[in-house]
Amino acid sequence: MTVFVVFADSTTPLKPPTTPFIYAMCKGLPILRSVWLEKSLKNEDFLSTDKYLLKDHGVAENYDVSEVYEISFSLSQGIDNGIKASAQGGVLAGHHFVLCSCIGESKAQDELSRKELKVLLQAAGAQPLTTKDLRKLDGDLDNFLVVTSTIATDEQVELANRLVDDHKATSVTCELVTQILLKQSLDPLEKLKAKEQRLQRIRPLSTSSQVPPKNCSKQR
């Protein structure tokens, strides 16, 4: 039996989710309060986990991570979502991803490292694409994510734009990936795609409707 134990209770504040914590969420592992481990040791045998699940405890229900990740979400709901998603291969099952270089070197303090992101994305069911894989790509690829730093560099923007144009990838930041992993939900990604679709519909209209100012002389 594989479980993940968190040292938190009514008197001990729950710290922001670490990489192993988010990994456990992605894999749908039982996330338990430390009292389970203490009582199991006294009993000299592993107790049933049902009464010690973190998601059912007030410390998770009232958890607020907004100061760290600048997002609000229910940790209990995130853990529940992860359990359901893991049974289907993970919240990002069926997705492919490319990680831009220099991720983790952004000024964003909460940004995960490139190595951490790769581990977590794969734990969530997504498949990495190598440079060799990209050379073989011909045409569009469904559910293709290119991940940039929260504060993207020029090099990252250039690569992301190329993959968006050539293969219809979706450019996402580390911040958005973190939201998906913490919420164990594709809602943040779907909202981004819906926003991009709205912008694509607006751009042609705005371009065709532009009227040159009266005082502008036409170029011959």
N, C-alpha and C. Protein backbone atom coordinates (compact mmCIF):
# COMPACT_ATOMS: atom_id res chain seq x y z
N MET A 1 0.84 -1.19 0.00
CA MET A 1 0.00 0.00 0.00
C MET A 1 0.88 1.25 0.00
N THR A 2 0.63 2.15 -0.92
CA THR A 2 1.37 3.41 -1.00
C THR A 2 0.47 4.56 -0.58
N VAL A 3 0.94 5.32 0.40
CA VAL A 3 0.17 6.48 0.88
C VAL A 3 1.10 7.68 0.99
N PHE A 4 0.52 8.86 1.18
CA PHE A 4 1.31 10.07 1.39
C PHE A 4 0.84 10.70 2.70
N VAL A 5 1.77 10.88 3.64
CA VAL A 5 1.43 11.37 4.97
C VAL A 5 1.80 12.84 5.10
N VAL A 6 0.84 13.62 5.60
CA VAL A 6 1.05 15.06 5.79
C VAL A 6 1.01 15.37 7.28
N PHE A 7 2.01 16.09 7.75
CA PHE A 7 2.04 16.46 9.16
C PHE A 7 1.27 17.77 9.34
N ALA A 8 -0.03 17.62 9.51
CA ALA A 8 -0.91 18.78 9.68
C ALA A 8 -2.16 18.33 10.42
N ASP A 9 -2.62 19.20 11.32
CA ASP A 9 -3.88 18.95 12.02
C ASP A 9 -4.48 20.30 12.39
N SER A 10 -5.40 20.31 13.32
CA SER A 10 -6.10 21.54 13.67
C SER A 10 -5.17 22.60 14.25
N THR A 11 -4.06 22.17 14.84
CA THR A 11 -3.14 23.12 15.46
C THR A 11 -1.89 23.36 14.63
N THR A 12 -1.62 22.49 13.67
CA THR A 12 -0.44 22.65 12.81
C THR A 12 -0.87 23.06 11.41
N PRO A 13 -0.55 24.30 10.99
CA PRO A 13 -0.98 24.77 9.66
C PRO A 13 -0.42 23.91 8.55
N LEU A 14 -1.21 23.71 7.52
CA LEU A 14 -0.78 22.95 6.36
C LEU A 14 0.05 23.84 5.46
N LYS A 15 1.27 23.40 5.14
CA LYS A 15 2.16 24.20 4.30
C LYS A 15 1.73 24.11 2.84
N PRO A 16 2.18 25.06 2.01
CA PRO A 16 1.85 24.99 0.58
C PRO A 16 2.26 23.65 -0.01
N PRO A 17 1.45 23.08 -0.92
CA PRO A 17 1.76 21.76 -1.49
C PRO A 17 3.15 21.71 -2.10
N THR A 18 3.91 20.71 -1.73
CA THR A 18 5.24 20.48 -2.28
C THR A 18 5.11 19.63 -3.54
N THR A 19 6.22 19.45 -4.24
CA THR A 19 6.21 18.60 -5.43
C THR A 19 5.75 17.18 -5.11
N PRO A 20 6.24 16.53 -4.03
CA PRO A 20 5.74 15.18 -3.71
C PRO A 20 4.24 15.19 -3.40
N PHE A 21 3.75 16.25 -2.75
CA PHE A 21 2.32 16.35 -2.43
C PHE A 21 1.50 16.39 -3.72
N ILE A 22 1.90 17.25 -4.66
CA ILE A 22 1.17 17.37 -5.92
C ILE A 22 1.28 16.07 -6.71
N TYR A 23 2.43 15.41 -6.63
CA TYR A 23 2.60 14.11 -7.29
C TYR A 23 1.57 13.12 -6.75
N ALA A 24 1.41 13.10 -5.43
CA ALA A 24 0.43 12.19 -4.81
C ALA A 24 -0.98 12.52 -5.29
N MET A 25 -1.27 13.81 -5.45
CA MET A 25 -2.58 14.22 -5.97
C MET A 25 -2.77 13.69 -7.39
N CYS A 26 -1.74 13.83 -8.22
CA CYS A 26 -1.82 13.38 -9.62
C CYS A 26 -2.04 11.88 -9.71
N LYS A 27 -1.44 11.14 -8.80
CA LYS A 27 -1.52 9.68 -8.82
C LYS A 27 -2.74 9.15 -8.08
N GLY A 28 -3.48 10.05 -7.43
CA GLY A 28 -4.66 9.62 -6.69
C GLY A 28 -4.34 8.80 -5.46
N LEU A 29 -3.14 9.02 -4.87
CA LEU A 29 -2.75 8.27 -3.67
C LEU A 29 -3.53 8.78 -2.46
N PRO A 30 -3.79 7.91 -1.48
CA PRO A 30 -4.41 8.38 -0.23
C PRO A 30 -3.48 9.37 0.47
N ILE A 31 -3.97 10.57 0.72
CA ILE A 31 -3.20 11.59 1.42
C ILE A 31 -3.73 11.66 2.85
N LEU A 32 -2.89 11.26 3.79
CA LEU A 32 -3.34 11.03 5.16
C LEU A 32 -2.74 12.03 6.14
N ARG A 33 -3.46 12.26 7.22
CA ARG A 33 -2.92 13.05 8.33
C ARG A 33 -1.95 12.18 9.13
N SER A 34 -0.97 12.82 9.75
CA SER A 34 0.10 12.09 10.43
C SER A 34 -0.41 11.24 11.59
N VAL A 35 -1.60 11.54 12.12
CA VAL A 35 -2.14 10.76 13.23
C VAL A 35 -2.34 9.30 12.81
N TRP A 36 -2.57 9.07 11.51
CA TRP A 36 -2.70 7.68 11.02
C TRP A 36 -1.41 6.92 11.24
N LEU A 37 -0.28 7.55 10.95
CA LEU A 37 1.02 6.90 11.11
C LEU A 37 1.31 6.65 12.58
N GLU A 38 1.00 7.64 13.43
CA GLU A 38 1.25 7.50 14.87
C GLU A 38 0.45 6.35 15.46
N LYS A 39 -0.83 6.27 15.10
CA LYS A 39 -1.68 5.21 15.66
C LYS A 39 -1.33 3.84 15.06
N SER A 40 -0.88 3.84 13.80
CA SER A 40 -0.47 2.56 13.19
C SER A 40 0.77 2.01 13.89
N LEU A 41 1.69 2.90 14.25
CA LEU A 41 2.90 2.47 14.96
C LEU A 41 2.55 1.90 16.33
N LYS A 42 1.63 2.54 17.03
CA LYS A 42 1.21 2.05 18.34
C LYS A 42 0.49 0.71 18.21
N ASN A 43 -0.25 0.55 17.14
CA ASN A 43 -1.01 -0.68 16.91
C ASN A 43 -0.13 -1.79 16.33
N GLU A 44 1.10 -1.40 15.90
CA GLU A 44 2.04 -2.32 15.27
C GLU A 44 1.46 -2.96 14.02
N ASP A 45 0.59 -2.21 13.36
CA ASP A 45 0.02 -2.66 12.10
C ASP A 45 -0.63 -1.45 11.41
N PHE A 46 -0.70 -1.49 10.09
CA PHE A 46 -1.30 -0.38 9.37
C PHE A 46 -2.81 -0.37 9.56
N LEU A 47 -3.33 0.75 10.03
CA LEU A 47 -4.77 0.89 10.22
C LEU A 47 -5.44 1.22 8.88
N SER A 48 -6.74 1.06 8.84
CA SER A 48 -7.50 1.49 7.67
C SER A 48 -7.33 3.00 7.51
N THR A 49 -7.26 3.46 6.27
CA THR A 49 -7.00 4.89 6.03
C THR A 49 -8.27 5.73 6.03
N ASP A 50 -9.43 5.10 6.03
CA ASP A 50 -10.68 5.83 5.81
C ASP A 50 -10.90 7.00 6.77
N LYS A 51 -10.53 6.83 8.04
CA LYS A 51 -10.80 7.86 9.04
C LYS A 51 -9.75 8.96 9.08
N TYR A 52 -8.69 8.81 8.28
CA TYR A 52 -7.56 9.75 8.40
C TYR A 52 -7.25 10.50 7.11
N LEU A 53 -8.17 10.45 6.16
CA LEU A 53 -7.95 11.14 4.89
C LEU A 53 -7.93 12.65 5.10
N LEU A 54 -6.91 13.28 4.55
CA LEU A 54 -6.77 14.73 4.71
C LEU A 54 -7.94 15.48 4.09
N LYS A 55 -8.46 14.96 2.96
CA LYS A 55 -9.52 15.67 2.24
C LYS A 55 -10.79 15.81 3.06
N ASP A 56 -10.98 14.93 4.05
CA ASP A 56 -12.19 14.97 4.87
C ASP A 56 -12.01 15.78 6.15
N HIS A 57 -10.84 16.37 6.32
CA HIS A 57 -10.54 17.11 7.55
C HIS A 57 -10.64 18.61 7.32
N GLY A 58 -11.02 19.31 8.36
CA GLY A 58 -11.19 20.76 8.26
C GLY A 58 -9.94 21.50 7.82
N VAL A 59 -8.75 20.94 8.12
CA VAL A 59 -7.50 21.61 7.74
C VAL A 59 -7.38 21.72 6.22
N ALA A 60 -7.99 20.78 5.50
CA ALA A 60 -7.97 20.84 4.03
C ALA A 60 -9.14 21.65 3.49
N GLU A 61 -10.30 21.51 4.13
CA GLU A 61 -11.48 22.23 3.67
C GLU A 61 -11.29 23.74 3.77
N ASN A 62 -10.56 24.18 4.78
CA ASN A 62 -10.36 25.62 5.00
C ASN A 62 -9.01 26.11 4.51
N TYR A 63 -8.34 25.29 3.72
CA TYR A 63 -7.00 25.63 3.25
C TYR A 63 -7.02 26.77 2.25
N ASP A 64 -6.13 27.72 2.45
CA ASP A 64 -6.04 28.88 1.55
C ASP A 64 -4.61 29.01 1.06
N VAL A 65 -4.42 28.88 -0.25
CA VAL A 65 -3.09 28.94 -0.84
C VAL A 65 -2.92 30.19 -1.70
N SER A 66 -3.90 31.09 -1.64
CA SER A 66 -3.93 32.25 -2.54
C SER A 66 -2.71 33.15 -2.39
N GLU A 67 -2.15 33.23 -1.18
CA GLU A 67 -0.99 34.11 -0.98
C GLU A 67 0.26 33.56 -1.65
N VAL A 68 0.31 32.24 -1.84
CA VAL A 68 1.50 31.62 -2.44
C VAL A 68 1.34 31.51 -3.94
N TYR A 69 0.20 30.95 -4.39
CA TYR A 69 0.01 30.69 -5.81
C TYR A 69 -0.89 31.71 -6.50
N GLU A 70 -1.42 32.66 -5.73
CA GLU A 70 -2.29 33.70 -6.28
C GLU A 70 -3.53 33.11 -6.95
N ILE A 71 -3.96 31.96 -6.47
CA ILE A 71 -5.21 31.36 -6.94
C ILE A 71 -5.96 30.83 -5.71
N SER A 72 -7.24 30.68 -5.84
CA SER A 72 -8.02 30.08 -4.77
C SER A 72 -8.60 28.78 -5.29
N PHE A 73 -8.58 27.74 -4.46
CA PHE A 73 -9.14 26.46 -4.85
C PHE A 73 -9.38 25.65 -3.59
N SER A 74 -10.21 24.64 -3.72
CA SER A 74 -10.50 23.75 -2.61
C SER A 74 -9.53 22.58 -2.65
N LEU A 75 -8.71 22.45 -1.63
CA LEU A 75 -7.75 21.34 -1.58
C LEU A 75 -8.49 20.01 -1.50
N SER A 76 -9.56 19.97 -0.73
CA SER A 76 -10.36 18.75 -0.63
C SER A 76 -10.88 18.35 -2.01
N GLN A 77 -11.39 19.33 -2.77
CA GLN A 77 -11.91 19.06 -4.10
C GLN A 77 -10.80 18.63 -5.04
N GLY A 78 -9.62 19.28 -4.91
CA GLY A 78 -8.48 18.92 -5.74
C GLY A 78 -8.05 17.47 -5.53
N ILE A 79 -8.01 17.05 -4.26
CA ILE A 79 -7.63 15.67 -3.95
C ILE A 79 -8.67 14.70 -4.51
N ASP A 80 -9.94 15.05 -4.34
CA ASP A 80 -11.02 14.21 -4.88
C ASP A 80 -10.93 14.10 -6.40
N ASN A 81 -10.69 15.25 -7.05
CA ASN A 81 -10.56 15.26 -8.51
C ASN A 81 -9.41 14.38 -8.96
N GLY A 82 -8.31 14.43 -8.21
CA GLY A 82 -7.13 13.64 -8.55
C GLY A 82 -7.40 12.15 -8.47
N ILE A 83 -8.17 11.74 -7.46
CA ILE A 83 -8.51 10.32 -7.32
C ILE A 83 -9.32 9.86 -8.54
N LYS A 84 -10.29 10.68 -8.94
CA LYS A 84 -11.13 10.32 -10.09
C LYS A 84 -10.33 10.34 -11.39
N ALA A 85 -9.49 11.39 -11.56
CA ALA A 85 -8.71 11.52 -12.79
C ALA A 85 -7.68 10.41 -12.95
N SER A 86 -7.06 10.01 -11.84
CA SER A 86 -6.02 8.98 -11.91
C SER A 86 -6.58 7.65 -12.40
N ALA A 87 -7.85 7.41 -12.12
CA ALA A 87 -8.49 6.18 -12.58
C ALA A 87 -8.65 6.17 -14.10
N GLN A 88 -8.57 7.37 -14.71
CA GLN A 88 -8.68 7.50 -16.17
C GLN A 88 -7.34 7.80 -16.83
N GLY A 89 -6.25 7.61 -16.06
CA GLY A 89 -4.91 7.84 -16.60
C GLY A 89 -4.32 9.18 -16.23
N GLY A 90 -5.05 10.00 -15.48
CA GLY A 90 -4.52 11.30 -15.06
C GLY A 90 -5.28 12.44 -15.69
N VAL A 91 -5.23 13.59 -15.02
CA VAL A 91 -5.99 14.75 -15.50
C VAL A 91 -5.53 15.23 -16.87
N LEU A 92 -4.27 14.94 -17.23
CA LEU A 92 -3.73 15.35 -18.53
C LEU A 92 -3.50 14.17 -19.46
N ALA A 93 -4.20 13.07 -19.23
CA ALA A 93 -4.09 11.90 -20.11
C ALA A 93 -4.50 12.31 -21.52
N GLY A 94 -3.70 11.85 -22.50
CA GLY A 94 -3.98 12.19 -23.89
C GLY A 94 -3.33 13.48 -24.35
N HIS A 95 -2.61 14.16 -23.46
CA HIS A 95 -1.91 15.39 -23.82
C HIS A 95 -0.43 15.11 -24.05
N HIS A 96 0.18 15.93 -24.91
CA HIS A 96 1.63 15.92 -25.11
C HIS A 96 2.16 17.28 -24.69
N PHE A 97 3.44 17.34 -24.31
CA PHE A 97 3.97 18.62 -23.89
C PHE A 97 5.44 18.80 -24.26
N VAL A 98 5.82 20.05 -24.41
CA VAL A 98 7.21 20.46 -24.59
C VAL A 98 7.50 21.52 -23.54
N LEU A 99 8.61 21.36 -22.83
CA LEU A 99 9.02 22.34 -21.84
C LEU A 99 10.10 23.23 -22.43
N CYS A 100 9.86 24.53 -22.44
CA CYS A 100 10.88 25.46 -22.92
C CYS A 100 12.08 25.44 -21.99
N SER A 101 13.23 25.83 -22.51
CA SER A 101 14.43 25.92 -21.69
C SER A 101 14.31 27.09 -20.72
N CYS A 102 15.11 27.05 -19.67
CA CYS A 102 15.20 28.14 -18.67
C CYS A 102 13.98 28.22 -17.76
N ILE A 103 13.08 27.26 -17.81
CA ILE A 103 11.95 27.25 -16.87
C ILE A 103 12.51 27.05 -15.45
N GLY A 104 11.94 27.75 -14.51
CA GLY A 104 12.41 27.69 -13.13
C GLY A 104 13.40 28.78 -12.81
N GLU A 105 13.83 29.53 -13.84
CA GLU A 105 14.77 30.63 -13.63
C GLU A 105 14.05 31.98 -13.69
N SER A 106 12.70 31.91 -13.71
CA SER A 106 11.90 33.12 -13.78
C SER A 106 11.94 33.85 -12.44
N LYS A 107 11.52 35.10 -12.45
CA LYS A 107 11.45 35.89 -11.22
C LYS A 107 10.27 35.46 -10.36
N ALA A 108 9.36 34.67 -10.91
CA ALA A 108 8.21 34.19 -10.15
C ALA A 108 8.70 33.21 -9.09
N GLN A 109 8.54 33.54 -7.82
CA GLN A 109 9.11 32.76 -6.73
C GLN A 109 8.48 31.37 -6.61
N ASP A 110 7.22 31.22 -7.00
CA ASP A 110 6.53 29.96 -6.82
C ASP A 110 6.69 29.02 -8.01
N GLU A 111 7.51 29.43 -8.99
CA GLU A 111 7.61 28.64 -10.21
C GLU A 111 8.37 27.34 -9.97
N LEU A 112 7.78 26.25 -10.44
CA LEU A 112 8.43 24.94 -10.32
C LEU A 112 9.61 24.86 -11.27
N SER A 113 10.57 24.01 -10.95
CA SER A 113 11.72 23.83 -11.83
C SER A 113 11.30 23.00 -13.04
N ARG A 114 12.15 22.99 -14.07
CA ARG A 114 11.86 22.25 -15.29
C ARG A 114 11.74 20.75 -14.98
N LYS A 115 12.63 20.25 -14.11
CA LYS A 115 12.62 18.84 -13.75
C LYS A 115 11.35 18.49 -12.99
N GLU A 116 10.96 19.35 -12.04
CA GLU A 116 9.74 19.10 -11.28
C GLU A 116 8.51 19.09 -12.18
N LEU A 117 8.45 20.05 -13.10
CA LEU A 117 7.32 20.12 -14.02
C LEU A 117 7.20 18.86 -14.87
N LYS A 118 8.32 18.38 -15.36
CA LYS A 118 8.31 17.18 -16.20
C LYS A 118 7.78 15.98 -15.43
N VAL A 119 8.25 15.82 -14.20
CA VAL A 119 7.80 14.70 -13.36
C VAL A 119 6.30 14.80 -13.10
N LEU A 120 5.83 16.00 -12.76
CA LEU A 120 4.42 16.17 -12.42
C LEU A 120 3.51 16.04 -13.63
N LEU A 121 3.93 16.58 -14.75
CA LEU A 121 3.12 16.46 -15.96
C LEU A 121 2.97 15.00 -16.38
N GLN A 122 4.06 14.24 -16.26
CA GLN A 122 3.98 12.82 -16.59
C GLN A 122 3.13 12.06 -15.57
N ALA A 123 3.23 12.46 -14.30
CA ALA A 123 2.39 11.83 -13.28
C ALA A 123 0.91 12.09 -13.55
N ALA A 124 0.63 13.25 -14.18
CA ALA A 124 -0.74 13.61 -14.51
C ALA A 124 -1.20 12.99 -15.82
N GLY A 125 -0.33 12.19 -16.47
CA GLY A 125 -0.72 11.46 -17.66
C GLY A 125 -0.25 12.03 -18.98
N ALA A 126 0.40 13.20 -18.96
CA ALA A 126 0.87 13.81 -20.20
C ALA A 126 2.17 13.16 -20.66
N GLN A 127 2.41 13.19 -21.98
CA GLN A 127 3.60 12.57 -22.55
C GLN A 127 4.56 13.65 -23.08
N PRO A 128 5.85 13.58 -22.72
CA PRO A 128 6.81 14.58 -23.20
C PRO A 128 7.21 14.35 -24.65
N LEU A 129 7.51 15.42 -25.34
CA LEU A 129 8.02 15.35 -26.71
C LEU A 129 9.46 15.87 -26.71
N THR A 130 10.35 15.12 -27.31
CA THR A 130 11.76 15.52 -27.40
C THR A 130 11.97 16.35 -28.67
N THR A 131 13.15 16.91 -28.79
CA THR A 131 13.51 17.65 -30.01
C THR A 131 13.41 16.74 -31.22
N LYS A 132 13.81 15.48 -31.06
CA LYS A 132 13.72 14.50 -32.15
C LYS A 132 12.27 14.27 -32.54
N ASP A 133 11.39 14.20 -31.54
CA ASP A 133 9.95 14.01 -31.81
C ASP A 133 9.40 15.18 -32.61
N LEU A 134 9.83 16.39 -32.25
CA LEU A 134 9.33 17.59 -32.92
C LEU A 134 9.73 17.61 -34.40
N ARG A 135 10.93 17.12 -34.69
CA ARG A 135 11.39 17.10 -36.09
C ARG A 135 10.52 16.17 -36.94
N LYS A 136 9.98 15.13 -36.30
CA LYS A 136 9.17 14.16 -37.04
C LYS A 136 7.71 14.60 -37.18
N LEU A 137 7.31 15.61 -36.40
CA LEU A 137 5.91 16.04 -36.44
C LEU A 137 5.56 16.61 -37.80
N ASP A 138 4.43 16.18 -38.29
CA ASP A 138 3.95 16.69 -39.58
C ASP A 138 2.49 17.07 -39.43
N GLY A 139 2.22 18.36 -39.38
CA GLY A 139 0.85 18.83 -39.21
C GLY A 139 0.48 19.05 -37.75
N ASP A 140 -0.82 19.12 -37.50
CA ASP A 140 -1.31 19.45 -36.17
C ASP A 140 -1.27 18.25 -35.23
N LEU A 141 -1.17 18.53 -33.94
CA LEU A 141 -1.18 17.49 -32.91
C LEU A 141 -2.20 17.89 -31.85
N ASP A 142 -3.17 17.03 -31.62
CA ASP A 142 -4.21 17.34 -30.64
C ASP A 142 -3.64 17.39 -29.22
N ASN A 143 -4.21 18.29 -28.41
CA ASN A 143 -3.86 18.37 -26.99
C ASN A 143 -2.35 18.52 -26.78
N PHE A 144 -1.76 19.42 -27.53
CA PHE A 144 -0.31 19.67 -27.49
C PHE A 144 -0.06 20.96 -26.72
N LEU A 145 0.69 20.84 -25.62
CA LEU A 145 0.99 21.99 -24.77
C LEU A 145 2.47 22.36 -24.86
N VAL A 146 2.75 23.63 -25.03
CA VAL A 146 4.12 24.12 -24.93
C VAL A 146 4.18 25.03 -23.72
N VAL A 147 5.05 24.67 -22.77
CA VAL A 147 5.07 25.33 -21.47
C VAL A 147 6.21 26.34 -21.40
N THR A 148 5.87 27.58 -21.06
CA THR A 148 6.86 28.64 -20.88
C THR A 148 6.95 29.03 -19.41
N SER A 149 7.95 29.82 -19.07
CA SER A 149 8.02 30.37 -17.73
C SER A 149 6.82 31.29 -17.50
N THR A 150 6.51 31.54 -16.24
CA THR A 150 5.43 32.48 -15.92
C THR A 150 5.75 33.84 -16.52
N ILE A 151 7.02 34.22 -16.45
CA ILE A 151 7.51 35.43 -17.14
C ILE A 151 8.37 34.92 -18.29
N ALA A 152 7.76 34.79 -19.46
CA ALA A 152 8.42 34.13 -20.58
C ALA A 152 9.57 34.96 -21.16
N THR A 153 10.62 34.27 -21.57
CA THR A 153 11.75 34.93 -22.23
C THR A 153 11.44 35.05 -23.72
N ASP A 154 12.23 35.87 -24.41
CA ASP A 154 12.04 36.04 -25.86
C ASP A 154 12.21 34.71 -26.59
N GLU A 155 13.19 33.92 -26.15
CA GLU A 155 13.45 32.62 -26.78
C GLU A 155 12.25 31.69 -26.59
N GLN A 156 11.67 31.70 -25.41
CA GLN A 156 10.51 30.86 -25.13
C GLN A 156 9.32 31.28 -25.99
N VAL A 157 9.10 32.59 -26.09
CA VAL A 157 7.99 33.11 -26.90
C VAL A 157 8.15 32.71 -28.35
N GLU A 158 9.39 32.78 -28.85
CA GLU A 158 9.67 32.42 -30.25
C GLU A 158 9.34 30.95 -30.50
N LEU A 159 9.79 30.05 -29.59
CA LEU A 159 9.51 28.63 -29.75
C LEU A 159 8.01 28.35 -29.64
N ALA A 160 7.37 28.97 -28.66
CA ALA A 160 5.94 28.76 -28.45
C ALA A 160 5.14 29.19 -29.68
N ASN A 161 5.47 30.35 -30.22
CA ASN A 161 4.76 30.86 -31.40
C ASN A 161 4.95 29.92 -32.60
N ARG A 162 6.15 29.38 -32.74
CA ARG A 162 6.43 28.48 -33.87
C ARG A 162 5.60 27.20 -33.75
N LEU A 163 5.53 26.64 -32.54
CA LEU A 163 4.78 25.41 -32.34
C LEU A 163 3.27 25.65 -32.44
N VAL A 164 2.83 26.82 -32.03
CA VAL A 164 1.42 27.17 -32.18
C VAL A 164 1.06 27.28 -33.66
N ASP A 165 1.93 27.92 -34.43
CA ASP A 165 1.67 28.10 -35.87
C ASP A 165 1.79 26.79 -36.65
N ASP A 166 2.82 26.01 -36.33
CA ASP A 166 3.10 24.80 -37.11
C ASP A 166 2.24 23.60 -36.72
N HIS A 167 1.91 23.49 -35.43
CA HIS A 167 1.24 22.27 -34.96
C HIS A 167 0.00 22.55 -34.11
N LYS A 168 -0.43 23.79 -34.09
CA LYS A 168 -1.60 24.19 -33.30
C LYS A 168 -1.46 23.83 -31.83
N ALA A 169 -0.25 24.01 -31.30
CA ALA A 169 -0.03 23.79 -29.88
C ALA A 169 -0.73 24.89 -29.09
N THR A 170 -0.94 24.65 -27.83
CA THR A 170 -1.47 25.67 -26.93
C THR A 170 -0.35 26.12 -26.01
N SER A 171 -0.05 27.40 -26.01
CA SER A 171 1.02 27.93 -25.16
C SER A 171 0.47 28.20 -23.76
N VAL A 172 1.10 27.58 -22.77
CA VAL A 172 0.67 27.75 -21.38
C VAL A 172 1.87 28.12 -20.51
N THR A 173 1.61 28.84 -19.46
CA THR A 173 2.67 29.23 -18.53
C THR A 173 2.77 28.21 -17.39
N CYS A 174 3.89 28.26 -16.67
CA CYS A 174 4.05 27.41 -15.49
C CYS A 174 2.93 27.66 -14.49
N GLU A 175 2.53 28.91 -14.38
CA GLU A 175 1.47 29.27 -13.44
C GLU A 175 0.17 28.53 -13.78
N LEU A 176 -0.18 28.48 -15.08
CA LEU A 176 -1.41 27.81 -15.47
C LEU A 176 -1.30 26.30 -15.26
N VAL A 177 -0.13 25.73 -15.56
CA VAL A 177 0.09 24.30 -15.32
C VAL A 177 -0.08 23.99 -13.84
N THR A 178 0.45 24.84 -12.98
CA THR A 178 0.32 24.65 -11.53
C THR A 178 -1.14 24.67 -11.12
N GLN A 179 -1.92 25.56 -11.72
CA GLN A 179 -3.36 25.60 -11.42
C GLN A 179 -4.04 24.29 -11.79
N ILE A 180 -3.70 23.76 -12.97
CA ILE A 180 -4.29 22.49 -13.42
C ILE A 180 -3.94 21.38 -12.44
N LEU A 181 -2.68 21.33 -12.01
CA LEU A 181 -2.22 20.25 -11.14
C LEU A 181 -2.80 20.36 -9.74
N LEU A 182 -2.93 21.59 -9.23
CA LEU A 182 -3.49 21.77 -7.88
C LEU A 182 -4.99 21.51 -7.86
N LYS A 183 -5.67 21.97 -8.89
CA LYS A 183 -7.12 21.76 -8.95
C LYS A 183 -7.46 20.38 -9.49
N GLN A 184 -6.47 19.73 -10.14
CA GLN A 184 -6.71 18.44 -10.81
C GLN A 184 -7.92 18.57 -11.72
N SER A 185 -7.89 19.63 -12.50
CA SER A 185 -9.00 19.95 -13.40
C SER A 185 -8.47 20.65 -14.64
N LEU A 186 -9.11 20.41 -15.77
CA LEU A 186 -8.73 21.07 -17.02
C LEU A 186 -9.42 22.42 -17.20
N ASP A 187 -10.20 22.84 -16.23
CA ASP A 187 -10.93 24.11 -16.35
C ASP A 187 -10.03 25.30 -16.69
N PRO A 188 -8.85 25.46 -16.03
CA PRO A 188 -7.99 26.59 -16.39
C PRO A 188 -7.55 26.56 -17.85
N LEU A 189 -7.29 25.36 -18.37
CA LEU A 189 -6.86 25.19 -19.76
C LEU A 189 -8.02 25.49 -20.71
N GLU A 190 -9.21 25.01 -20.38
CA GLU A 190 -10.37 25.24 -21.24
C GLU A 190 -10.71 26.73 -21.30
N LYS A 191 -10.56 27.43 -20.18
CA LYS A 191 -10.83 28.87 -20.16
C LYS A 191 -9.82 29.62 -21.03
N LEU A 192 -8.56 29.18 -21.00
CA LEU A 192 -7.53 29.80 -21.84
C LEU A 192 -7.86 29.59 -23.32
N LYS A 193 -8.23 28.35 -23.69
CA LYS A 193 -8.55 28.06 -25.09
C LYS A 193 -9.77 28.86 -25.55
N ALA A 194 -10.77 29.00 -24.68
CA ALA A 194 -11.97 29.76 -25.03
C ALA A 194 -11.63 31.23 -25.24
N LYS A 195 -10.71 31.74 -24.42
CA LYS A 195 -10.28 33.14 -24.56
C LYS A 195 -9.55 33.35 -25.88
N GLU A 196 -8.67 32.40 -26.23
CA GLU A 196 -7.93 32.50 -27.49
C GLU A 196 -8.86 32.44 -28.69
N GLN A 197 -9.88 31.60 -28.62
CA GLN A 197 -10.84 31.49 -29.72
C GLN A 197 -11.62 32.79 -29.89
N ARG A 198 -11.96 33.43 -28.77
CA ARG A 198 -12.67 34.71 -28.85
C ARG A 198 -11.79 35.77 -29.50
N LEU A 199 -10.51 35.77 -29.13
CA LEU A 199 -9.58 36.75 -29.70
C LEU A 199 -9.40 36.52 -31.20
N GLN A 200 -9.35 35.25 -31.61
CA GLN A 200 -9.19 34.95 -33.04
C GLN A 200 -10.39 35.42 -33.85
N ARG A 201 -11.58 35.37 -33.25
CA ARG A 201 -12.77 35.83 -33.95
C ARG A 201 -12.81 37.36 -34.02
N ILE A 202 -12.27 38.00 -33.00
CA ILE A 202 -12.31 39.46 -32.93
C ILE A 202 -11.30 40.09 -33.86
N ARG A 203 -10.08 39.50 -33.97
CA ARG A 203 -9.00 40.11 -34.75
C ARG A 203 -9.38 40.42 -36.20
N PRO A 204 -9.96 39.47 -36.96
CA PRO A 204 -10.30 39.79 -38.35
C PRO A 204 -11.31 40.94 -38.45
N LEU A 205 -12.27 40.96 -37.52
CA LEU A 205 -13.27 42.03 -37.53
C LEU A 205 -12.64 43.38 -37.26
N SER A 206 -11.77 43.40 -36.25
CA SER A 206 -11.14 44.67 -35.89
C SER A 206 -10.22 45.16 -37.00
N THR A 207 -9.58 44.22 -37.71
CA THR A 207 -8.66 44.61 -38.79
C THR A 207 -9.42 45.19 -39.97
N SER A 208 -10.55 44.53 -40.35
CA SER A 208 -11.29 44.97 -41.52
C SER A 208 -12.07 46.24 -41.25
N SER A 209 -12.36 46.48 -39.98
CA SER A 209 -13.18 47.64 -39.66
C SER A 209 -12.37 48.89 -39.38
N GLN A 210 -11.04 48.75 -39.41
CA GLN A 210 -10.21 49.92 -39.13
C GLN A 210 -10.30 50.92 -40.28
N VAL A 211 -10.54 52.19 -39.93
CA VAL A 211 -10.63 53.26 -40.92
C VAL A 211 -9.48 54.22 -40.70
N PRO A 212 -8.66 54.52 -41.74
CA PRO A 212 -7.52 55.42 -41.54
C PRO A 212 -8.00 56.80 -41.13
N PRO A 213 -7.31 57.47 -40.23
CA PRO A 213 -7.67 58.84 -39.85
C PRO A 213 -7.72 59.74 -41.08
N LYS A 214 -8.59 60.72 -41.04
CA LYS A 214 -8.80 61.60 -42.19
C LYS A 214 -7.55 62.36 -42.58
N ASN A 215 -6.69 62.65 -41.60
CA ASN A 215 -5.52 63.46 -41.91
C ASN A 215 -4.33 62.61 -42.37
N CYS A 216 -4.55 61.29 -42.55
CA CYS A 216 -3.47 60.43 -43.03
C CYS A 216 -3.49 60.41 -44.55
N SER A 217 -2.38 60.69 -45.17
CA SER A 217 -2.27 60.65 -46.64
C SER A 217 -2.00 59.24 -47.08
N LYS A 218 -2.63 58.79 -48.19
CA LYS A 218 -2.43 57.44 -48.72
C LYS A 218 -1.06 57.34 -49.39
N GLN A 219 -0.43 56.19 -49.16
CA GLN A 219 0.86 55.96 -49.79
C GLN A 219 0.66 55.54 -51.24
N ARG A 220 1.46 56.07 -52.11
CA ARG A 220 1.36 55.70 -53.54
C ARG A 220 2.44 54.70 -53.88
